[in-house]
Amino acid sequence: MSREIIGILRGVQPHEVLDIGRALVAAGIDRIEVPLNSPDPLRSIEILASELSEQATLGAGTVLDASQVLEVHNVGGTLVVSPDTNPAVIEKTKELGMHSFPGVATPTECFTALRYGADGLKFFPAFVIGRSGFAAISAVLPKGTKTYAVGGADTSNFADWFGVGVTGFGIGSGIYKPGMSAQDVASRAANIVAAYDASASSSRS
């Protein structure tokens, strides 16, 4: 089963990232981002890419300019997630054959991102936009647009977000905080996957 979940490892360090990445993949989460404001993020991405690239889509979050896209590409990353909609970032990402998930909060940003080739839209911060705000925006988006709620989406409200048409989620502190062990992450990831599966199944019924 393919799950539209992006695990966000903000603050992860290179010495621990592989065990944590393996825990996520084992739990069923196969999209992993290391935000670029983490300690030595490119090294962490390089480690993940060298060991898990055949099992997961790996890359960076908090990507703010095209030069950072190139840096991520050069260490083997294929996923680029941003907090904002920057056409230069999207263009460089697609030019290099990578997956682009820019942050959006308005219809203008959504359509700008899609026009430049974004693969999916990161609605951020989701708790500010809210489900009613998302529903209003998504009503005008092209059919089949991939949408992700990030910032405020968790196991307690997956079903509510699915109910208004969200495709998937980006999960940060709910899945990893600095200092957590791989075992901690494995436990949290298992709970997240179980809640996702149950909510996805009920939304389809």
C-alpha atoms as a PDB file:
ATOM      1  CA  MET A   1       0.000   0.000   0.000  1.00  0.00           C
ATOM      2  CA  SER A   2       1.371   3.389  -0.975  1.00  0.00           C
ATOM      3  CA  ARG A   3       0.873   5.946   1.772  1.00  0.00           C
ATOM      4  CA  GLU A   4       0.988   9.666   1.150  1.00  0.00           C
ATOM      5  CA  ILE A   5       2.992  10.426   4.287  1.00  0.00           C
ATOM      6  CA  ILE A   6       6.177  12.483   4.401  1.00  0.00           C
ATOM      7  CA  GLY A   7       8.242  11.949   7.538  1.00  0.00           C
ATOM      8  CA  ILE A   8       9.999  15.171   8.551  1.00  0.00           C
ATOM      9  CA  LEU A   9      13.218  14.697  10.539  1.00  0.00           C
ATOM     10  CA  ARG A  10      13.905  18.247  11.674  1.00  0.00           C
ATOM     11  CA  GLY A  11      16.999  18.355  13.862  1.00  0.00           C
ATOM     12  CA  VAL A  12      18.200  14.845  13.053  1.00  0.00           C
ATOM     13  CA  GLN A  13      21.964  14.284  13.066  1.00  0.00           C
ATOM     14  CA  PRO A  14      24.047  12.188  10.657  1.00  0.00           C
ATOM     15  CA  HIS A  15      25.123   9.617  13.252  1.00  0.00           C
ATOM     16  CA  GLU A  16      21.502   8.625  13.960  1.00  0.00           C
ATOM     17  CA  VAL A  17      19.724   9.269  10.678  1.00  0.00           C
ATOM     18  CA  LEU A  18      20.141   5.837   9.094  1.00  0.00           C
ATOM     19  CA  ASP A  19      18.608   3.910  11.991  1.00  0.00           C
ATOM     20  CA  ILE A  20      15.725   6.389  12.122  1.00  0.00           C
ATOM     21  CA  GLY A  21      15.236   6.216   8.368  1.00  0.00           C
ATOM     22  CA  ARG A  22      15.166   2.429   8.486  1.00  0.00           C
ATOM     23  CA  ALA A  23      12.573   2.566  11.267  1.00  0.00           C
ATOM     24  CA  LEU A  24      10.324   4.776   9.126  1.00  0.00           C
ATOM     25  CA  VAL A  25      10.641   2.553   6.068  1.00  0.00           C
ATOM     26  CA  ALA A  26       9.974  -0.573   8.135  1.00  0.00           C
ATOM     27  CA  ALA A  27       6.810   1.048   9.493  1.00  0.00           C
ATOM     28  CA  GLY A  28       5.580   1.862   5.996  1.00  0.00           C
ATOM     29  CA  ILE A  29       6.638   5.494   5.564  1.00  0.00           C
ATOM     30  CA  ASP A  30       8.701   5.746   2.397  1.00  0.00           C
ATOM     31  CA  ARG A  31       9.048   9.509   1.939  1.00  0.00           C
ATOM     32  CA  ILE A  32      11.564  11.169   4.205  1.00  0.00           C
ATOM     33  CA  GLU A  33      12.802  14.743   4.336  1.00  0.00           C
ATOM     34  CA  VAL A  34      15.640  16.228   6.329  1.00  0.00           C
ATOM     35  CA  PRO A  35      15.041  19.986   6.698  1.00  0.00           C
ATOM     36  CA  LEU A  36      18.068  22.044   5.730  1.00  0.00           C
ATOM     37  CA  ASN A  37      18.056  23.821   9.100  1.00  0.00           C
ATOM     38  CA  SER A  38      19.051  20.526  10.746  1.00  0.00           C
ATOM     39  CA  PRO A  39      22.668  19.833  11.804  1.00  0.00           C
ATOM     40  CA  ASP A  40      24.756  18.865   8.730  1.00  0.00           C
ATOM     41  CA  PRO A  41      21.630  18.084   6.692  1.00  0.00           C
ATOM     42  CA  LEU A  42      23.344  17.281   3.407  1.00  0.00           C
ATOM     43  CA  ARG A  43      25.427  14.597   5.081  1.00  0.00           C
ATOM     44  CA  SER A  44      22.275  13.079   6.575  1.00  0.00           C
ATOM     45  CA  ILE A  45      20.563  13.089   3.179  1.00  0.00           C
ATOM     46  CA  GLU A  46      23.642  11.516   1.587  1.00  0.00           C
ATOM     47  CA  ILE A  47      23.615   8.709   4.166  1.00  0.00           C
ATOM     48  CA  LEU A  48      19.906   8.035   3.647  1.00  0.00           C
ATOM     49  CA  ALA A  49      20.240   8.132  -0.134  1.00  0.00           C
ATOM     50  CA  SER A  50      23.209   5.772  -0.173  1.00  0.00           C
ATOM     51  CA  GLU A  51      21.406   3.135   1.892  1.00  0.00           C
ATOM     52  CA  LEU A  52      17.668   3.544   1.324  1.00  0.00           C
ATOM     53  CA  SER A  53      17.171   5.079  -2.117  1.00  0.00           C
ATOM     54  CA  GLU A  54      15.692   1.852  -3.518  1.00  0.00           C
ATOM     55  CA  GLN A  55      13.144   1.686  -0.710  1.00  0.00           C
ATOM     56  CA  ALA A  56      12.197   5.326  -0.197  1.00  0.00           C
ATOM     57  CA  THR A  57      12.054   8.803  -1.718  1.00  0.00           C
ATOM     58  CA  LEU A  58      14.556  10.921   0.204  1.00  0.00           C
ATOM     59  CA  GLY A  59      15.512  14.551   0.229  1.00  0.00           C
ATOM     60  CA  ALA A  60      15.326  17.916   1.903  1.00  0.00           C
ATOM     61  CA  GLY A  61      12.837  20.236   3.498  1.00  0.00           C
ATOM     62  CA  THR A  62      13.051  23.993   4.089  1.00  0.00           C
ATOM     63  CA  VAL A  63      14.596  24.407   0.631  1.00  0.00           C
ATOM     64  CA  LEU A  64      14.608  28.133  -0.107  1.00  0.00           C
ATOM     65  CA  ASP A  65      16.621  28.655  -3.291  1.00  0.00           C
ATOM     66  CA  ALA A  66      17.790  26.924  -6.452  1.00  0.00           C
ATOM     67  CA  SER A  67      21.367  26.508  -5.241  1.00  0.00           C
ATOM     68  CA  GLN A  68      20.110  24.392  -2.353  1.00  0.00           C
ATOM     69  CA  VAL A  69      18.168  22.203  -4.784  1.00  0.00           C
ATOM     70  CA  LEU A  70      21.417  21.488  -6.610  1.00  0.00           C
ATOM     71  CA  GLU A  71      23.181  20.659  -3.343  1.00  0.00           C
ATOM     72  CA  VAL A  72      20.461  18.174  -2.433  1.00  0.00           C
ATOM     73  CA  HIS A  73      20.651  16.619  -5.889  1.00  0.00           C
ATOM     74  CA  ASN A  74      24.421  16.294  -5.648  1.00  0.00           C
ATOM     75  CA  VAL A  75      24.203  14.142  -2.510  1.00  0.00           C
ATOM     76  CA  GLY A  76      21.564  11.844  -3.983  1.00  0.00           C
ATOM     77  CA  GLY A  77      18.339  13.450  -2.772  1.00  0.00           C
ATOM     78  CA  THR A  78      15.291  13.333  -5.025  1.00  0.00           C
ATOM     79  CA  LEU A  79      12.697  15.097  -2.846  1.00  0.00           C
ATOM     80  CA  VAL A  80      12.467  18.883  -2.435  1.00  0.00           C
ATOM     81  CA  VAL A  81       9.999  20.346   0.063  1.00  0.00           C
ATOM     82  CA  SER A  82       9.717  24.071   0.775  1.00  0.00           C
ATOM     83  CA  PRO A  83       7.785  26.287   3.186  1.00  0.00           C
ATOM     84  CA  ASP A  84       6.922  28.662   0.340  1.00  0.00           C
ATOM     85  CA  THR A  85       6.196  28.806  -3.390  1.00  0.00           C
ATOM     86  CA  ASN A  86       9.377  29.834  -5.166  1.00  0.00           C
ATOM     87  CA  PRO A  87       9.207  29.300  -8.949  1.00  0.00           C
ATOM     88  CA  ALA A  88      13.012  29.155  -9.185  1.00  0.00           C
ATOM     89  CA  VAL A  89      13.112  26.286  -6.699  1.00  0.00           C
ATOM     90  CA  ILE A  90      10.362  24.375  -8.510  1.00  0.00           C
ATOM     91  CA  GLU A  91      11.978  24.893 -11.916  1.00  0.00           C
ATOM     92  CA  LYS A  92      15.398  23.699 -10.742  1.00  0.00           C
ATOM     93  CA  THR A  93      13.847  20.727  -8.983  1.00  0.00           C
ATOM     94  CA  LYS A  94      12.033  19.584 -12.115  1.00  0.00           C
ATOM     95  CA  GLU A  95      15.023  20.360 -14.338  1.00  0.00           C
ATOM     96  CA  LEU A  96      17.012  17.866 -12.253  1.00  0.00           C
ATOM     97  CA  GLY A  97      14.274  15.236 -12.362  1.00  0.00           C
ATOM     98  CA  MET A  98      13.370  15.555  -8.688  1.00  0.00           C
ATOM     99  CA  HIS A  99      10.027  15.679  -6.854  1.00  0.00           C
ATOM    100  CA  SER A 100       8.723  19.150  -5.969  1.00  0.00           C
ATOM    101  CA  PHE A 101       6.443  19.901  -3.007  1.00  0.00           C
ATOM    102  CA  PRO A 102       6.262  23.673  -2.406  1.00  0.00           C
ATOM    103  CA  GLY A 103       4.422  25.244   0.497  1.00  0.00           C
ATOM    104  CA  VAL A 104       1.146  27.001  -0.295  1.00  0.00           C
ATOM    105  CA  ALA A 105      -1.562  28.821   1.636  1.00  0.00           C
ATOM    106  CA  THR A 106      -3.571  30.679  -1.033  1.00  0.00           C
ATOM    107  CA  PRO A 107      -5.134  29.923  -4.442  1.00  0.00           C
ATOM    108  CA  THR A 108      -2.534  32.173  -6.100  1.00  0.00           C
ATOM    109  CA  GLU A 109       0.318  30.147  -4.612  1.00  0.00           C
ATOM    110  CA  CYS A 110      -1.375  26.863  -5.526  1.00  0.00           C
ATOM    111  CA  PHE A 111      -1.787  27.744  -9.173  1.00  0.00           C
ATOM    112  CA  THR A 112       1.659  29.323  -9.407  1.00  0.00           C
ATOM    113  CA  ALA A 113       3.190  26.113  -8.019  1.00  0.00           C
ATOM    114  CA  LEU A 114       1.235  23.933 -10.424  1.00  0.00           C
ATOM    115  CA  ARG A 115       2.081  26.092 -13.440  1.00  0.00           C
ATOM    116  CA  TYR A 116       5.782  25.669 -12.694  1.00  0.00           C
ATOM    117  CA  GLY A 117       5.447  21.898 -12.422  1.00  0.00           C
ATOM    118  CA  ALA A 118       5.000  21.066  -8.731  1.00  0.00           C
ATOM    119  CA  ASP A 119       4.227  17.407  -8.069  1.00  0.00           C
ATOM    120  CA  GLY A 120       2.154  18.184  -5.002  1.00  0.00           C
ATOM    121  CA  LEU A 121       1.106  21.079  -2.774  1.00  0.00           C
ATOM    122  CA  LYS A 122       2.127  21.379   0.857  1.00  0.00           C
ATOM    123  CA  PHE A 123      -0.633  23.266   2.683  1.00  0.00           C
ATOM    124  CA  PHE A 124       1.354  24.960   5.432  1.00  0.00           C
ATOM    125  CA  PRO A 125       0.693  25.717   8.173  1.00  0.00           C
ATOM    126  CA  ALA A 126      -2.383  23.518   7.979  1.00  0.00           C
ATOM    127  CA  PHE A 127      -3.681  24.546  11.390  1.00  0.00           C
ATOM    128  CA  VAL A 128      -3.890  28.164  10.199  1.00  0.00           C
ATOM    129  CA  ILE A 129      -5.495  27.380   6.832  1.00  0.00           C
ATOM    130  CA  GLY A 130      -7.904  24.979   8.522  1.00  0.00           C
ATOM    131  CA  ARG A 131     -10.023  22.301   6.939  1.00  0.00           C
ATOM    132  CA  SER A 132     -12.701  24.737   5.813  1.00  0.00           C
ATOM    133  CA  GLY A 133     -10.069  26.945   4.193  1.00  0.00           C
ATOM    134  CA  PHE A 134      -8.505  23.953   2.486  1.00  0.00           C
ATOM    135  CA  ALA A 135     -11.883  22.747   1.224  1.00  0.00           C
ATOM    136  CA  ALA A 136     -12.618  26.140  -0.336  1.00  0.00           C
ATOM    137  CA  ILE A 137      -9.235  26.277  -2.074  1.00  0.00           C
ATOM    138  CA  SER A 138      -9.202  22.670  -3.214  1.00  0.00           C
ATOM    139  CA  ALA A 139     -12.601  23.086  -4.860  1.00  0.00           C
ATOM    140  CA  VAL A 140     -10.952  25.107  -7.632  1.00  0.00           C
ATOM    141  CA  LEU A 141      -7.792  23.011  -8.041  1.00  0.00           C
ATOM    142  CA  PRO A 142      -7.372  20.683 -11.031  1.00  0.00           C
ATOM    143  CA  LYS A 143      -8.751  17.210 -10.432  1.00  0.00           C
ATOM    144  CA  GLY A 144      -6.055  14.847  -9.207  1.00  0.00           C
ATOM    145  CA  THR A 145      -3.884  17.511  -7.564  1.00  0.00           C
ATOM    146  CA  LYS A 146      -1.839  15.978  -4.750  1.00  0.00           C
ATOM    147  CA  THR A 147      -2.373  17.906  -1.525  1.00  0.00           C
ATOM    148  CA  TYR A 148      -0.662  17.499   1.830  1.00  0.00           C
ATOM    149  CA  ALA A 149      -1.613  18.976   5.184  1.00  0.00           C
ATOM    150  CA  VAL A 150       1.511  19.926   7.133  1.00  0.00           C
ATOM    151  CA  GLY A 151       1.598  21.570  10.534  1.00  0.00           C
ATOM    152  CA  GLY A 152      -1.328  20.552  12.685  1.00  0.00           C
ATOM    153  CA  ALA A 153      -2.251  17.256  11.040  1.00  0.00           C
ATOM    154  CA  ASP A 154      -1.894  14.215  13.295  1.00  0.00           C
ATOM    155  CA  THR A 155      -3.472  10.886  14.211  1.00  0.00           C
ATOM    156  CA  SER A 156      -6.362  12.639  15.931  1.00  0.00           C
ATOM    157  CA  ASN A 157      -7.566  14.385  12.780  1.00  0.00           C
ATOM    158  CA  PHE A 158      -6.426  12.375   9.743  1.00  0.00           C
ATOM    159  CA  ALA A 159     -10.031  11.329   9.128  1.00  0.00           C
ATOM    160  CA  ASP A 160     -11.252  14.925   9.261  1.00  0.00           C
ATOM    161  CA  TRP A 161      -8.634  16.010   6.717  1.00  0.00           C
ATOM    162  CA  PHE A 162      -9.422  13.078   4.445  1.00  0.00           C
ATOM    163  CA  GLY A 163     -13.045  14.126   4.750  1.00  0.00           C
ATOM    164  CA  VAL A 164     -12.304  17.438   3.030  1.00  0.00           C
ATOM    165  CA  GLY A 165     -10.211  15.813   0.329  1.00  0.00           C
ATOM    166  CA  VAL A 166      -6.589  16.032   1.456  1.00  0.00           C
ATOM    167  CA  THR A 167      -4.348  13.482  -0.272  1.00  0.00           C
ATOM    168  CA  GLY A 168      -1.772  13.045   2.471  1.00  0.00           C
ATOM    169  CA  PHE A 169       0.279  14.512   5.290  1.00  0.00           C
ATOM    170  CA  GLY A 170       3.679  15.750   6.311  1.00  0.00           C
ATOM    171  CA  ILE A 171       4.436  14.777   9.913  1.00  0.00           C
ATOM    172  CA  GLY A 172       7.211  16.491  11.857  1.00  0.00           C
ATOM    173  CA  SER A 173       7.256  16.606  15.658  1.00  0.00           C
ATOM    174  CA  GLY A 174       4.606  13.886  15.782  1.00  0.00           C
ATOM    175  CA  ILE A 175       7.130  11.445  14.356  1.00  0.00           C
ATOM    176  CA  TYR A 176      10.524  12.789  15.413  1.00  0.00           C
ATOM    177  CA  LYS A 177      12.003  15.305  17.813  1.00  0.00           C
ATOM    178  CA  PRO A 178      15.719  15.736  18.523  1.00  0.00           C
ATOM    179  CA  GLY A 179      16.823  13.240  21.128  1.00  0.00           C
ATOM    180  CA  MET A 180      14.372  10.519  20.175  1.00  0.00           C
ATOM    181  CA  SER A 181      15.766   7.058  19.565  1.00  0.00           C
ATOM    182  CA  ALA A 182      15.058   4.974  16.484  1.00  0.00           C
ATOM    183  CA  GLN A 183      12.854   2.821  18.714  1.00  0.00           C
ATOM    184  CA  ASP A 184      10.839   5.909  19.725  1.00  0.00           C
ATOM    185  CA  VAL A 185      10.417   6.819  16.072  1.00  0.00           C
ATOM    186  CA  ALA A 186       9.429   3.269  15.149  1.00  0.00           C
ATOM    187  CA  SER A 187       6.654   3.302  17.765  1.00  0.00           C
ATOM    188  CA  ARG A 188       5.334   6.684  16.672  1.00  0.00           C
ATOM    189  CA  ALA A 189       5.536   5.743  13.000  1.00  0.00           C
ATOM    190  CA  ALA A 190       3.565   2.552  13.620  1.00  0.00           C
ATOM    191  CA  ASN A 191       0.793   4.539  15.312  1.00  0.00           C
ATOM    192  CA  ILE A 192       0.741   7.082  12.500  1.00  0.00           C
ATOM    193  CA  VAL A 193       0.545   4.403   9.804  1.00  0.00           C
ATOM    194  CA  ALA A 194      -2.247   2.579  11.643  1.00  0.00           C
ATOM    195  CA  ALA A 195      -4.267   5.794  12.021  1.00  0.00           C
ATOM    196  CA  TYR A 196      -3.615   6.751   8.390  1.00  0.00           C
ATOM    197  CA  ASP A 197      -4.722   3.349   7.112  1.00  0.00           C
ATOM    198  CA  ALA A 198      -7.878   3.345   9.225  1.00  0.00           C
ATOM    199  CA  SER A 199      -8.781   6.900   8.213  1.00  0.00           C
ATOM    200  CA  ALA A 200      -8.034   6.295   4.527  1.00  0.00           C
ATOM    201  CA  SER A 201     -10.131   3.145   4.544  1.00  0.00           C
ATOM    202  CA  SER A 202     -13.111   4.842   6.196  1.00  0.00           C
ATOM    203  CA  SER A 203     -12.917   7.793   3.813  1.00  0.00           C
ATOM    204  CA  ARG A 204     -13.224   5.453   0.843  1.00  0.00           C
ATOM    205  CA  SER A 205     -16.162   3.501   2.250  1.00  0.00           C
END
